[in-house]
């Protein structure tokens, strides 16, 4: 240390030396020599966080952005080396950051006796800001003598923070962006649900977080979901396993039908300044190292889940929500048009004599029409562009609210193979705009003459051999509007059916709120079979999910909108 000119470290070591007995002093000197010999080059290229043993160092990493996301890289990628990917999910304070750093230290071959701890995650900084960050961060560890593969860790630090459901939906959008990006992640070997060993019951908040992630994936991901139990003492985590079982968390099971789980202690960088502390900490280090070995063996042999299904689930859910929103607006317009027709029909029946005697006879009706209305939108940070995707040909809102990730209509999630999946004519993306306005349905009082009504409702009448009366044409127009509504309802129903086939949790919070609307309209239509299927789906999640989601919403509300 003196040769290096590091006087601060020399002084600190001298102070520690004066307080130690001979045996401890000899052990310390051996530890210092070990650090210097095995990790000298790495230490010289890192930032010192703490000098007390174990010394803590922040690695110099490479950070890059791709799309809207951040990737943190340590080491040089070897194209010949396979990669394993794990997605971590958990509540703030469960120890995810320490877990990531533990995986890093194991990969690098750090031993307890080395008296050193390296960080890829800035724990000291994250501890103060983790609940505020909204980034999905991808950590890539390319170097490590203990791993036969490189390791990709996806951290979701923002799930379940105090900003509530709207914020979590943004995190889901970020994961979708990651999964569908060419430079992103196309497969996952494990989803790690991080839970403390002392948890004997999943809180509504924690269950909500887990459910949020389950909403993202297809059914096949279940066998890749494992529990990562932190703050463990090395014994079987009976409380945590009971909590997972009680909450009916879908996950991989072992031979005893217990959730596949791995144990981790979070004391690796705790100061070891006395023998009384050192021995228990050595035990904690050893069992965590053994568990990391088991986890890596699991990752090495697990069958990866391709994320094409996940992207399909998320896109389908977005399209479902957009479809139902669009459907509601179409039904509103249809009902207003039918109201206008009914007013005309009644006026014709009640004023038949007067109409024959007065060529200028007029009636007042509530005419439905489409208008444009400004919306609040625009840039939010450098990531989200809030606006409405609208079809100018159909004059319909195809994705509003909710379209934030796409800068241009052709990139919006409701587009598929260059065409819109929502608007009436399924128009090309080129017929759409993304602007800070939307279409709205309005009514206005207008005076209509008999000629006006004939012109509107007897188009091409002259081409028909058997001419129909105006009343007959009005009745036909009303029938067509009813048929259109039936088609719109069936389209939305098919979206729900498709989700039921591919999604792990078919009824997410974003689709659950629409079921009552669909059920009501199906019953009005007289389609009891489809209404019953929707009711059964709603009942299934009412018992398991709704109560926790509603209580979680109350939890967020109790925070006073923080």
Protein backbone atom coordinates (compact mmCIF):
# COMPACT_ATOMS: atom_id res chain seq x y z
CA UNK A 1 0.00 0.00 0.00
CA UNK A 2 2.90 2.33 0.80
CA UNK A 3 4.47 1.53 -2.58
CA UNK A 4 1.20 2.50 -4.23
CA UNK A 5 1.13 5.76 -2.31
CA UNK A 6 -2.28 5.10 -0.82
CA UNK A 7 -1.76 6.83 2.53
CA UNK A 8 -5.44 6.75 3.52
CA UNK A 9 -5.56 2.96 3.32
CA UNK A 10 -2.21 2.65 5.13
CA UNK A 11 -3.48 4.80 7.98
CA UNK A 12 -6.72 2.83 8.24
CA UNK A 13 -4.86 -0.50 8.30
CA UNK A 14 -2.47 0.79 10.95
CA UNK A 15 -5.40 1.80 13.16
CA UNK A 16 -6.92 -1.64 12.75
CA UNK A 17 -3.54 -3.26 13.40
CA UNK A 18 -3.17 -1.49 16.78
CA UNK A 19 -6.50 -2.92 17.95
CA UNK A 20 -5.79 -6.55 17.01
CA UNK A 21 -4.16 -9.44 18.81
CA UNK A 22 -1.24 -11.28 17.18
CA UNK A 23 -3.37 -14.09 15.70
CA UNK A 24 -5.87 -11.73 14.12
CA UNK A 25 -3.03 -9.53 12.85
CA UNK A 26 -1.40 -12.46 11.05
CA UNK A 27 -4.74 -13.46 9.50
CA UNK A 28 -5.31 -9.90 8.31
CA UNK A 29 -1.90 -9.71 6.63
CA UNK A 30 -2.60 -12.97 4.82
CA UNK A 31 -5.95 -11.57 3.63
CA UNK A 32 -4.39 -8.36 2.36
CA UNK A 33 -1.75 -10.33 0.47
CA UNK A 34 -4.48 -12.48 -1.06
CA UNK A 35 -6.43 -9.46 -2.31
CA UNK A 36 -3.30 -7.91 -3.76
CA UNK A 37 -2.22 -11.04 -5.59
CA UNK A 38 -5.51 -12.37 -6.96
CA UNK A 39 -7.52 -9.24 -7.72
CA UNK A 40 -4.92 -6.48 -7.97
CA UNK A 41 -5.60 -5.70 -11.62
CA UNK A 42 -9.37 -5.70 -11.13
CA UNK A 43 -9.12 -3.51 -8.04
CA UNK A 44 -6.92 -0.99 -9.80
CA UNK A 45 -9.58 -0.66 -12.49
CA UNK A 46 -12.49 -0.26 -10.03
CA UNK A 47 -13.84 2.42 -7.70
CA UNK A 48 -13.38 1.83 -4.00
CA UNK A 49 -16.64 2.03 -2.06
CA UNK A 50 -15.32 0.92 1.33
CA UNK A 51 -11.87 0.07 2.70
CA UNK A 52 -13.00 -1.95 5.75
CA UNK A 53 -12.76 -5.69 5.12
CA UNK A 54 -14.22 -7.05 3.07
CA UNK A 55 -13.21 -4.16 0.83
CA UNK A 56 -16.02 -3.16 -1.52
CA UNK A 57 -15.34 -2.08 -5.10
CA UNK A 58 -17.61 -0.80 -7.84
CA UNK A 59 -16.66 -2.31 -11.20
CA UNK A 60 -16.08 -0.13 -14.21
CA UNK A 61 -18.78 -1.26 -16.60
CA UNK A 62 -19.85 -0.32 -20.06
CA UNK A 63 -23.32 1.19 -20.38
CA UNK A 64 -25.20 1.36 -23.64
CA UNK A 65 -28.73 2.15 -24.69
CA UNK A 66 -30.79 0.23 -27.21
CA UNK A 67 -34.21 1.53 -28.05
CA UNK A 68 -35.55 2.94 -24.79
CA UNK A 69 -33.57 0.62 -22.51
CA UNK A 70 -30.22 0.48 -20.71
CA UNK A 71 -27.72 -2.37 -20.79
CA UNK A 72 -24.85 -2.63 -18.26
CA UNK A 73 -21.98 -4.82 -19.51
CA UNK A 74 -19.05 -6.37 -17.69
CA UNK A 75 -16.38 -8.15 -19.74
CA UNK A 76 -16.01 -9.03 -23.40
CA UNK A 77 -18.61 -11.13 -25.17
CA UNK A 78 -17.47 -14.52 -26.45
CA UNK A 79 -19.67 -15.54 -29.39
CA UNK A 80 -18.79 -19.21 -28.82
CA UNK A 81 -20.00 -19.15 -25.23
CA UNK A 82 -23.70 -19.90 -24.58
CA UNK A 83 -25.84 -17.41 -22.65
CA UNK A 84 -28.40 -17.85 -19.89
CA UNK A 85 -31.05 -15.24 -19.04
CA UNK A 86 -32.93 -14.72 -15.78
CA UNK A 87 -35.65 -12.13 -15.08
CA UNK A 88 -35.78 -10.93 -11.47
CA UNK A 89 -38.99 -9.66 -9.92
CA UNK A 90 -39.61 -8.61 -6.35
CA UNK A 91 -40.58 -5.92 -3.95
CA UNK A 92 -38.22 -3.10 -3.01
CA UNK A 93 -36.10 -4.19 -0.05
CA UNK A 94 -36.03 -7.92 -0.80
CA UNK A 95 -32.33 -7.80 -1.71
CA UNK A 96 -32.38 -8.07 -5.51
CA UNK A 97 -29.35 -5.81 -5.89
CA UNK A 98 -27.28 -7.89 -3.46
CA UNK A 99 -28.42 -11.04 -5.24
CA UNK A 100 -27.21 -9.72 -8.59
CA UNK A 101 -23.87 -8.79 -7.07
CA UNK A 102 -23.61 -12.24 -5.44
CA UNK A 103 -24.05 -13.87 -8.85
CA UNK A 104 -21.32 -11.59 -10.20
CA UNK A 105 -18.85 -12.43 -7.41
CA UNK A 106 -19.48 -16.15 -7.80
CA UNK A 107 -18.88 -15.91 -11.55
CA UNK A 108 -15.56 -14.14 -10.91
CA UNK A 109 -14.43 -16.78 -8.43
CA UNK A 110 -14.38 -14.54 -5.33
CA UNK A 111 -13.96 -16.56 -2.12
CA UNK A 112 -14.74 -15.64 1.47
CA UNK A 113 -11.03 -15.60 2.31
CA UNK A 114 -10.36 -13.00 -0.38
CA UNK A 115 -11.90 -10.30 1.83
CA UNK A 116 -13.19 -8.41 -1.21
CA UNK A 117 -16.61 -7.76 -2.73
CA UNK A 118 -17.33 -6.42 -6.20
CA UNK A 119 -20.49 -4.66 -7.33
CA UNK A 120 -22.09 -4.32 -10.72
CA UNK A 121 -25.21 -2.78 -9.14
CA UNK A 122 -24.63 0.38 -7.15
CA UNK A 123 -26.41 -0.76 -4.01
CA UNK A 124 -25.67 2.33 -1.94
CA UNK A 125 -27.17 4.57 -4.59
CA UNK A 126 -30.04 2.23 -5.42
CA UNK A 127 -31.10 1.92 -1.80
CA UNK A 128 -32.22 5.54 -1.85
CA UNK A 129 -33.63 5.74 -5.35
CA UNK A 130 -34.82 2.24 -6.21
CA UNK A 131 -38.45 2.97 -5.38
CA UNK A 132 -38.38 5.96 -7.72
CA UNK A 133 -36.64 4.45 -10.76
CA UNK A 134 -38.75 3.19 -13.64
CA UNK A 135 -36.02 1.60 -15.73
CA UNK A 136 -35.86 -2.02 -16.76
CA UNK A 137 -32.08 -2.61 -16.61
CA UNK A 138 -30.29 -5.45 -18.37
CA UNK A 139 -27.03 -6.64 -16.76
CA UNK A 140 -24.72 -8.76 -18.88
CA UNK A 141 -21.82 -10.64 -17.25
CA UNK A 142 -19.50 -11.98 -19.95
CA UNK A 143 -16.46 -12.84 -17.83
CA UNK A 144 -16.28 -15.39 -15.03
CA UNK A 145 -14.13 -18.42 -14.38
CA UNK A 146 -16.89 -20.28 -12.50
CA UNK A 147 -19.57 -20.14 -15.19
CA UNK A 148 -19.70 -22.20 -18.40
CA UNK A 149 -21.98 -19.52 -19.87
CA UNK A 150 -22.40 -15.77 -19.94
CA UNK A 151 -25.22 -14.43 -17.78
CA UNK A 152 -27.94 -11.92 -18.62
CA UNK A 153 -29.97 -10.57 -15.68
CA UNK A 154 -33.08 -8.47 -16.28
CA UNK A 155 -33.95 -6.34 -13.27
CA UNK A 156 -37.42 -4.81 -12.84
CA UNK A 157 -36.89 -2.44 -9.89
CA UNK A 158 -40.02 -0.38 -10.47
CA UNK A 159 -42.69 -3.08 -10.07
CA UNK A 160 -45.11 -2.28 -7.29
CA UNK A 161 -43.71 1.11 -6.33
CA UNK A 162 -45.91 3.80 -4.84
CA UNK A 163 -47.02 5.19 -8.18
CA UNK A 164 -49.42 2.29 -8.66
CA UNK A 165 -50.95 0.37 -11.54
CA UNK A 166 -50.41 2.96 -14.28
CA UNK A 167 -46.67 2.91 -13.58
CA UNK A 168 -46.58 -0.90 -13.62
CA UNK A 169 -48.26 -0.92 -17.02
CA UNK A 170 -45.39 1.26 -18.26
CA UNK A 171 -42.94 -1.34 -16.93
CA UNK A 172 -44.85 -4.00 -18.86
CA UNK A 173 -44.50 -1.87 -21.97
CA UNK A 174 -40.75 -1.59 -21.35
CA UNK A 175 -40.44 -5.37 -21.08
CA UNK A 176 -42.40 -5.74 -24.30
CA UNK A 177 -39.97 -3.31 -25.91
CA UNK A 178 -37.08 -5.44 -24.61
CA UNK A 179 -38.54 -8.72 -25.81
CA UNK A 180 -39.38 -7.59 -29.33
CA UNK A 181 -36.20 -5.59 -29.98
CA UNK A 182 -33.62 -7.17 -32.32
CA UNK A 183 -30.94 -6.14 -29.80
CA UNK A 184 -33.03 -7.22 -26.81
CA UNK A 185 -33.89 -10.58 -25.25
CA UNK A 186 -35.53 -13.36 -27.24
CA UNK A 187 -35.54 -16.15 -24.64
CA UNK A 188 -35.63 -16.59 -20.87
CA UNK A 189 -34.28 -19.54 -18.89
CA UNK A 190 -35.79 -18.53 -15.55
CA UNK A 191 -38.10 -16.01 -13.94
CA UNK A 192 -36.85 -15.48 -10.39
CA UNK A 193 -39.47 -14.40 -7.87
CA UNK A 194 -37.43 -12.76 -5.10
CA UNK A 195 -38.98 -13.19 -1.64
CA UNK A 196 -37.65 -12.89 1.90
CA UNK A 197 -37.30 -16.10 3.91
CA UNK A 198 -39.34 -14.59 6.74
CA UNK A 199 -42.43 -13.98 4.61
CA UNK A 200 -45.18 -16.31 5.87
CA UNK A 201 -47.89 -14.72 3.78
CA UNK A 202 -47.67 -12.80 0.55
CA UNK A 203 -48.95 -9.29 1.09
CA UNK A 204 -51.52 -7.95 -1.35
CA UNK A 205 -48.79 -5.64 -2.57
CA UNK A 206 -46.32 -8.49 -3.24
CA UNK A 207 -49.00 -10.72 -4.80
CA UNK A 208 -49.91 -7.82 -7.06
CA UNK A 209 -46.28 -7.55 -8.20
CA UNK A 210 -46.06 -11.27 -8.98
CA UNK A 211 -49.40 -11.20 -10.80
CA UNK A 212 -48.16 -8.24 -12.86
CA UNK A 213 -45.35 -10.38 -14.22
CA UNK A 214 -47.47 -13.47 -14.74
CA UNK A 215 -49.72 -11.32 -16.92
CA UNK A 216 -46.78 -10.90 -19.31
CA UNK A 217 -46.14 -14.51 -20.20
CA UNK A 218 -47.69 -17.45 -21.97
CA UNK A 219 -48.64 -20.64 -20.16
CA UNK A 220 -45.38 -22.42 -21.02
CA UNK A 221 -43.33 -20.11 -18.76
CA UNK A 222 -44.72 -21.78 -15.61
CA UNK A 223 -42.00 -24.46 -15.51
CA UNK A 224 -39.32 -21.74 -15.65
CA UNK A 225 -40.57 -19.77 -12.64
CA UNK A 226 -38.47 -20.32 -9.50
CA UNK A 227 -38.33 -18.77 -6.03
CA UNK A 228 -35.16 -16.94 -4.97
CA UNK A 229 -35.34 -16.76 -1.17
CA UNK A 230 -33.21 -13.98 0.30
CA UNK A 231 -32.14 -13.13 3.87
CA UNK A 232 -31.99 -16.88 4.53
CA UNK A 233 -30.20 -18.65 7.38
CA UNK A 234 -29.67 -21.76 5.27
CA UNK A 235 -32.55 -23.82 6.63
CA UNK A 236 -35.62 -24.84 4.65
CA UNK A 237 -37.66 -21.65 4.16
CA UNK A 238 -40.95 -23.05 5.45
CA UNK A 239 -42.57 -19.62 5.79
CA UNK A 240 -41.74 -18.51 2.25
CA UNK A 241 -42.79 -21.84 0.71
CA UNK A 242 -46.06 -21.72 2.64
CA UNK A 243 -46.64 -18.16 1.44
CA UNK A 244 -46.08 -19.14 -2.21
CA UNK A 245 -48.42 -22.12 -1.89
CA UNK A 246 -51.07 -20.10 -0.09
CA UNK A 247 -51.02 -17.45 -2.81
CA UNK A 248 -51.30 -20.14 -5.52
CA UNK A 249 -48.19 -18.87 -7.30
CA UNK A 250 -47.67 -20.82 -10.52
CA UNK A 251 -44.06 -22.04 -10.63
CA UNK A 252 -41.79 -25.02 -11.24
CA UNK A 253 -42.14 -27.86 -8.71
CA UNK A 254 -39.53 -30.28 -7.38
CA UNK A 255 -39.88 -34.01 -6.67
CA UNK A 256 -41.70 -33.25 -3.41
CA UNK A 257 -44.19 -31.00 -5.23
CA UNK A 258 -42.63 -27.97 -3.53
CA UNK A 259 -41.76 -24.78 -5.44
CA UNK A 260 -38.25 -24.98 -6.90
CA UNK A 261 -36.28 -22.55 -4.76
CA UNK A 262 -32.75 -21.35 -4.02
CA UNK A 263 -31.47 -19.73 -0.83
CA UNK A 264 -29.35 -16.60 -0.49
CA UNK A 265 -27.94 -14.73 2.47
CA UNK A 266 -27.47 -10.98 2.15
CA UNK A 267 -24.49 -10.58 4.51
CA UNK A 268 -21.61 -11.04 2.05
CA UNK A 269 -20.20 -7.56 2.47
CA UNK A 270 -20.85 -7.25 6.22
CA UNK A 271 -17.68 -6.13 8.05
CA UNK A 272 -15.69 -8.99 9.59
CA UNK A 273 -13.73 -7.15 12.27
CA UNK A 274 -14.07 -9.80 14.98
CA UNK A 275 -13.83 -13.58 15.16
CA UNK A 276 -17.36 -13.70 16.58
CA UNK A 277 -18.66 -12.15 13.35
CA UNK A 278 -16.34 -13.97 10.96
CA UNK A 279 -17.40 -17.56 11.71
CA UNK A 280 -21.17 -17.05 11.19
CA UNK A 281 -20.50 -14.93 8.10
CA UNK A 282 -18.31 -17.72 6.67
CA UNK A 283 -21.20 -20.15 7.12
CA UNK A 284 -23.57 -17.72 5.38
CA UNK A 285 -21.14 -17.29 2.49
CA UNK A 286 -20.67 -21.03 2.04
CA UNK A 287 -24.33 -22.00 1.82
CA UNK A 288 -25.08 -19.07 -0.52
CA UNK A 289 -22.21 -20.18 -2.77
CA UNK A 290 -23.60 -23.71 -2.80
CA UNK A 291 -27.08 -22.42 -3.69
CA UNK A 292 -25.67 -20.27 -6.50
CA UNK A 293 -24.00 -23.41 -7.85
CA UNK A 294 -27.39 -25.13 -7.79
CA UNK A 295 -29.06 -22.18 -9.51
CA UNK A 296 -26.42 -22.13 -12.23
CA UNK A 297 -26.88 -25.86 -12.74
CA UNK A 298 -30.61 -25.23 -13.12
CA UNK A 299 -29.97 -22.45 -15.64
CA UNK A 300 -27.53 -24.65 -17.55
CA UNK A 301 -30.08 -27.44 -18.02
CA UNK A 302 -33.40 -25.58 -18.20
CA UNK A 303 -35.18 -25.36 -21.51
CA UNK A 304 -35.39 -21.70 -22.53
CA UNK A 305 -38.76 -20.16 -23.21
CA UNK A 306 -38.88 -18.29 -26.47
CA UNK A 307 -40.49 -14.91 -25.97
CA UNK A 308 -42.52 -14.90 -29.15
CA UNK A 309 -45.51 -16.08 -27.09
CA UNK A 310 -44.95 -13.34 -24.53
CA UNK A 311 -44.88 -10.68 -27.24
CA UNK A 312 -48.03 -12.21 -28.71
CA UNK A 313 -49.77 -12.12 -25.30
CA UNK A 314 -48.85 -8.50 -24.68
CA UNK A 315 -49.73 -7.38 -28.19
CA UNK A 316 -53.01 -9.29 -28.08
CA UNK A 317 -53.90 -7.72 -24.73
CA UNK A 318 -53.13 -4.25 -26.09
CA UNK A 319 -55.22 -4.98 -29.17
CA UNK A 320 -58.04 -6.33 -27.02
CA UNK A 321 -58.11 -3.19 -24.90
CA UNK A 322 -57.95 -0.97 -27.99
CA UNK A 323 -60.62 -3.06 -29.71
CA UNK A 324 -63.04 -2.77 -26.81
CA UNK A 325 -62.41 0.95 -26.43
CA UNK A 326 -63.05 1.38 -30.15
CA UNK A 327 -66.10 -0.88 -29.83
CA UNK A 328 -67.58 1.28 -27.09
CA UNK A 329 -67.22 4.35 -29.28
CA UNK A 330 -68.78 2.56 -32.27
CA UNK A 331 -71.72 1.38 -30.17
CA UNK A 332 -72.19 4.89 -28.83
CA UNK A 333 -72.28 6.26 -32.38
CA UNK A 334 -74.58 3.45 -33.52
CA UNK A 335 -77.04 4.06 -30.70
CA UNK A 336 -77.10 7.79 -31.43
CA UNK A 337 -77.78 7.04 -35.11
CA UNK A 338 -80.60 4.70 -34.14
CA UNK A 339 -82.01 7.40 -31.87
CA UNK A 340 -81.99 9.78 -34.84
CA UNK A 341 -83.78 7.19 -37.00
CA UNK A 342 -86.38 6.62 -34.31
CA UNK A 343 -87.06 10.37 -34.11
CA UNK A 344 -87.59 10.49 -37.87
CA UNK A 345 -89.83 7.41 -37.85
CA UNK A 346 -92.04 8.86 -35.14
CA UNK A 347 -92.21 12.24 -36.91
CA UNK A 348 -93.24 10.60 -40.20
CA UNK A 349 -95.97 8.56 -38.54
CA UNK A 350 -97.32 11.47 -36.47
CA UNK A 351 -97.27 14.08 -39.23
CA UNK A 352 -98.25 12.11 -42.34
CA UNK A 353 -101.12 14.48 -43.41
CA UNK A 354 -99.14 17.65 -42.81
CA UNK A 355 -96.24 16.33 -44.87
CA UNK A 356 -98.53 15.70 -47.84
CA UNK A 357 -99.90 19.26 -47.69
CA UNK A 358 -96.64 21.07 -46.97
CA UNK A 359 -93.65 20.49 -49.25
CA UNK A 360 -91.44 22.49 -46.87
CA UNK A 361 -92.34 20.46 -43.81
CA UNK A 362 -89.36 20.03 -41.47
CA UNK A 363 -88.60 18.10 -38.32
CA UNK A 364 -85.91 18.64 -35.69
CA UNK A 365 -83.65 15.69 -34.88
CA UNK A 366 -80.51 15.02 -32.85
CA UNK A 367 -77.99 14.30 -35.60
CA UNK A 368 -74.89 12.29 -34.66
CA UNK A 369 -71.58 13.37 -36.17
CA UNK A 370 -67.82 12.88 -35.74
CA UNK A 371 -65.58 15.73 -34.60
CA UNK A 372 -61.94 16.19 -33.56
CA UNK A 373 -61.03 17.11 -30.01
CA UNK A 374 -57.61 18.07 -28.58
CA UNK A 375 -56.08 15.74 -25.98
CA UNK A 376 -53.29 16.20 -23.47
CA UNK A 377 -50.23 14.49 -24.87
CA UNK A 378 -46.78 14.98 -26.30
CA UNK A 379 -43.35 14.07 -24.98
CA UNK A 380 -42.93 12.58 -21.51
CA UNK A 381 -39.21 12.27 -20.85
CA UNK A 382 -37.26 10.90 -23.80
CA UNK A 383 -39.16 7.63 -23.95
CA UNK A 384 -42.92 8.03 -24.20
CA UNK A 385 -44.84 9.98 -26.81
CA UNK A 386 -48.44 10.17 -25.67
CA UNK A 387 -50.97 10.72 -28.44
CA UNK A 388 -53.84 8.98 -30.23
CA UNK A 389 -53.43 6.70 -33.25
CA UNK A 390 -56.44 7.44 -35.47
CA UNK A 391 -57.65 6.18 -38.83
CA UNK A 392 -58.46 9.16 -41.07
CA UNK A 393 -60.32 6.95 -43.51
CA UNK A 394 -62.68 5.33 -40.97
CA UNK A 395 -62.58 8.40 -38.71
CA UNK A 396 -61.99 6.22 -35.64
CA UNK A 397 -59.65 6.08 -32.66
CA UNK A 398 -57.61 2.92 -33.04
CA UNK A 399 -55.34 3.24 -29.98
CA UNK A 400 -56.30 5.71 -27.30
CA UNK A 401 -55.63 5.93 -24.45
CA UNK A 402 -52.42 4.00 -24.02
CA UNK A 403 -50.32 4.52 -27.13
CA UNK A 404 -46.96 5.72 -25.77
CA UNK A 405 -44.17 3.53 -27.15
CA UNK A 406 -44.75 4.11 -30.88
CA UNK A 407 -43.49 7.29 -32.47
CA UNK A 408 -45.34 6.63 -35.73
CA UNK A 409 -48.61 4.79 -36.49
CA UNK A 410 -46.88 1.95 -38.32
CA UNK A 411 -45.02 1.06 -35.09
CA UNK A 412 -48.13 0.98 -32.91
CA UNK A 413 -49.02 -2.33 -31.26
CA UNK A 414 -52.46 -2.38 -32.93
CA UNK A 415 -50.78 -2.69 -36.33
CA UNK A 416 -50.16 -6.19 -37.69
CA UNK A 417 -48.47 -6.90 -41.00
CA UNK A 418 -48.85 -3.26 -41.97
CA UNK A 419 -52.58 -3.03 -41.31
CA UNK A 420 -54.68 -1.90 -38.35
CA UNK A 421 -56.38 -4.62 -36.31
CA UNK A 422 -58.92 -2.21 -34.78
CA UNK A 423 -60.57 0.16 -37.25
CA UNK A 424 -63.65 -0.93 -39.20
CA UNK A 425 -61.98 -1.43 -42.60
CA UNK A 426 -58.69 -2.72 -41.11
CA UNK A 427 -56.95 0.00 -43.09
CA UNK A 428 -53.23 0.22 -43.92
CA UNK A 429 -50.98 2.02 -41.44
CA UNK A 430 -50.54 4.77 -44.03
CA UNK A 431 -54.19 5.77 -43.48
CA UNK A 432 -53.44 6.50 -39.82
CA UNK A 433 -51.95 9.42 -37.92
CA UNK A 434 -50.60 9.83 -34.42
CA UNK A 435 -51.53 13.28 -33.19
CA UNK A 436 -52.56 15.20 -30.08
CA UNK A 437 -56.26 14.95 -30.96
CA UNK A 438 -58.87 12.21 -31.12
CA UNK A 439 -62.22 11.61 -32.76
CA UNK A 440 -65.30 12.18 -30.60
CA UNK A 441 -68.99 11.49 -31.20
CA UNK A 442 -71.27 14.48 -30.76
CA UNK A 443 -74.88 15.42 -31.50
CA UNK A 444 -76.41 18.62 -32.82
CA UNK A 445 -79.95 19.84 -33.34
CA UNK A 446 -80.71 20.08 -37.06
CA UNK A 447 -83.81 20.79 -39.14
CA UNK A 448 -84.47 18.19 -41.85
CA UNK A 449 -86.88 18.41 -44.73
CA UNK A 450 -88.52 15.41 -46.37
CA UNK A 451 -86.10 15.72 -49.26
CA UNK A 452 -83.14 15.74 -46.87
CA UNK A 453 -84.31 12.49 -45.33
CA UNK A 454 -84.98 10.85 -48.67
CA UNK A 455 -81.55 11.85 -49.94
CA UNK A 456 -79.87 10.37 -46.85
CA UNK A 457 -81.87 7.15 -46.50
CA UNK A 458 -83.00 6.35 -50.08
CA UNK A 459 -79.65 6.29 -51.86
CA UNK A 460 -79.77 4.18 -55.04
CA UNK A 461 -83.51 3.72 -54.59
CA UNK A 462 -84.03 4.48 -58.29
CA UNK A 463 -82.00 1.41 -59.18
CA UNK A 464 -84.40 -0.88 -57.36
CA UNK A 465 -87.32 -2.35 -59.28
CA UNK A 466 -89.41 -2.62 -56.14
CA UNK A 467 -89.06 0.77 -54.54
CA UNK A 468 -89.27 0.86 -50.77
CA UNK A 469 -90.80 3.59 -48.70
CA UNK A 470 -88.70 5.92 -46.58
CA UNK A 471 -89.95 4.15 -43.44
CA UNK A 472 -88.79 0.81 -44.82
CA UNK A 473 -85.38 2.25 -45.59
CA UNK A 474 -85.13 3.64 -42.09
CA UNK A 475 -86.00 0.23 -40.66
CA UNK A 476 -83.36 -1.40 -42.87
CA UNK A 477 -80.74 1.12 -41.76
CA UNK A 478 -81.56 0.40 -38.10
CA UNK A 479 -81.21 -3.34 -38.74
CA UNK A 480 -77.78 -2.85 -40.32
CA UNK A 481 -76.62 -0.87 -37.31
CA UNK A 482 -77.68 -3.73 -35.02
CA UNK A 483 -75.78 -6.23 -37.17
CA UNK A 484 -72.66 -4.06 -37.02
CA UNK A 485 -72.81 -3.96 -33.24
CA UNK A 486 -73.09 -7.74 -33.15
CA UNK A 487 -69.97 -8.03 -35.32
CA UNK A 488 -68.06 -5.64 -33.07
CA UNK A 489 -69.03 -7.64 -29.99
CA UNK A 490 -67.97 -10.92 -31.57
CA UNK A 491 -64.61 -9.45 -32.53
CA UNK A 492 -63.94 -8.40 -28.93
CA UNK A 493 -65.09 -11.80 -27.67
CA UNK A 494 -62.65 -13.57 -29.99
CA UNK A 495 -59.81 -11.49 -28.52
CA UNK A 496 -60.69 -12.75 -25.03
CA UNK A 497 -60.91 -16.35 -26.28
CA UNK A 498 -57.46 -16.08 -27.86
CA UNK A 499 -55.99 -14.74 -24.62
CA UNK A 500 -57.55 -17.68 -22.79
CA UNK A 501 -55.63 -20.01 -25.09
CA UNK A 502 -52.17 -18.44 -24.81
CA UNK A 503 -51.94 -16.44 -21.57
CA UNK A 504 -50.85 -17.70 -18.15
CA UNK A 505 -53.21 -15.25 -16.44
CA UNK A 506 -55.84 -14.58 -19.12
CA UNK A 507 -57.72 -11.85 -17.26
CA UNK A 508 -55.20 -9.18 -16.38
CA UNK A 509 -56.12 -5.89 -14.73
CA UNK A 510 -56.20 -4.25 -18.17
CA UNK A 511 -58.81 -6.70 -19.52
CA UNK A 512 -60.74 -7.41 -16.32
CA UNK A 513 -62.36 -3.96 -16.32
CA UNK A 514 -63.95 -4.67 -19.73
CA UNK A 515 -65.63 -7.97 -18.91
CA UNK A 516 -68.75 -6.43 -17.35
CA UNK A 517 -69.26 -4.31 -20.45
CA UNK A 518 -68.94 -7.34 -22.77
CA UNK A 519 -71.21 -9.48 -20.60
CA UNK A 520 -73.92 -6.79 -20.58
CA UNK A 521 -73.83 -6.36 -24.35
CA UNK A 522 -73.81 -10.12 -25.00
CA UNK A 523 -76.90 -10.50 -22.82
CA UNK A 524 -78.63 -7.64 -24.61
CA UNK A 525 -77.84 -9.42 -27.87
CA UNK A 526 -79.30 -12.64 -26.45
CA UNK A 527 -76.05 -14.62 -26.79
CA UNK A 528 -76.30 -16.41 -23.43
CA UNK A 529 -73.59 -18.97 -24.26
CA UNK A 530 -70.87 -16.38 -24.77
CA UNK A 531 -72.13 -14.31 -21.85
CA UNK A 532 -71.84 -17.39 -19.60
CA UNK A 533 -68.24 -18.08 -20.71
CA UNK A 534 -67.30 -14.50 -19.90
CA UNK A 535 -69.05 -14.74 -16.53
CA UNK A 536 -67.14 -17.94 -15.71
CA UNK A 537 -63.84 -16.24 -16.54
CA UNK A 538 -64.76 -13.28 -14.37
CA UNK A 539 -65.82 -15.52 -11.49
CA UNK A 540 -62.53 -17.46 -11.61
CA UNK A 541 -60.42 -14.36 -11.09
CA UNK A 542 -62.90 -12.72 -8.71
CA UNK A 543 -61.98 -15.29 -6.08
CA UNK A 544 -58.19 -15.28 -6.62
CA UNK A 545 -57.10 -11.97 -8.00
CA UNK A 546 -59.67 -9.24 -7.75
CA UNK A 547 -59.61 -8.91 -3.98
CA UNK A 548 -55.82 -8.51 -3.92
CA UNK A 549 -55.85 -6.06 -6.81
CA UNK A 550 -58.61 -3.98 -5.25
CA UNK A 551 -56.88 -3.99 -1.87
CA UNK A 552 -53.65 -3.04 -3.61
CA UNK A 553 -55.42 -0.16 -5.32
CA UNK A 554 -56.63 0.90 -1.87
CA UNK A 555 -53.05 0.56 -0.64
CA UNK A 556 -51.84 2.93 -3.36
CA UNK A 557 -54.71 5.31 -2.62
CA UNK A 558 -53.86 5.31 1.07
CA UNK A 559 -50.44 6.69 0.20
CA UNK A 560 -52.10 9.89 -0.84
CA UNK A 561 -51.12 9.68 -4.50
CA UNK A 562 -47.40 9.58 -3.79
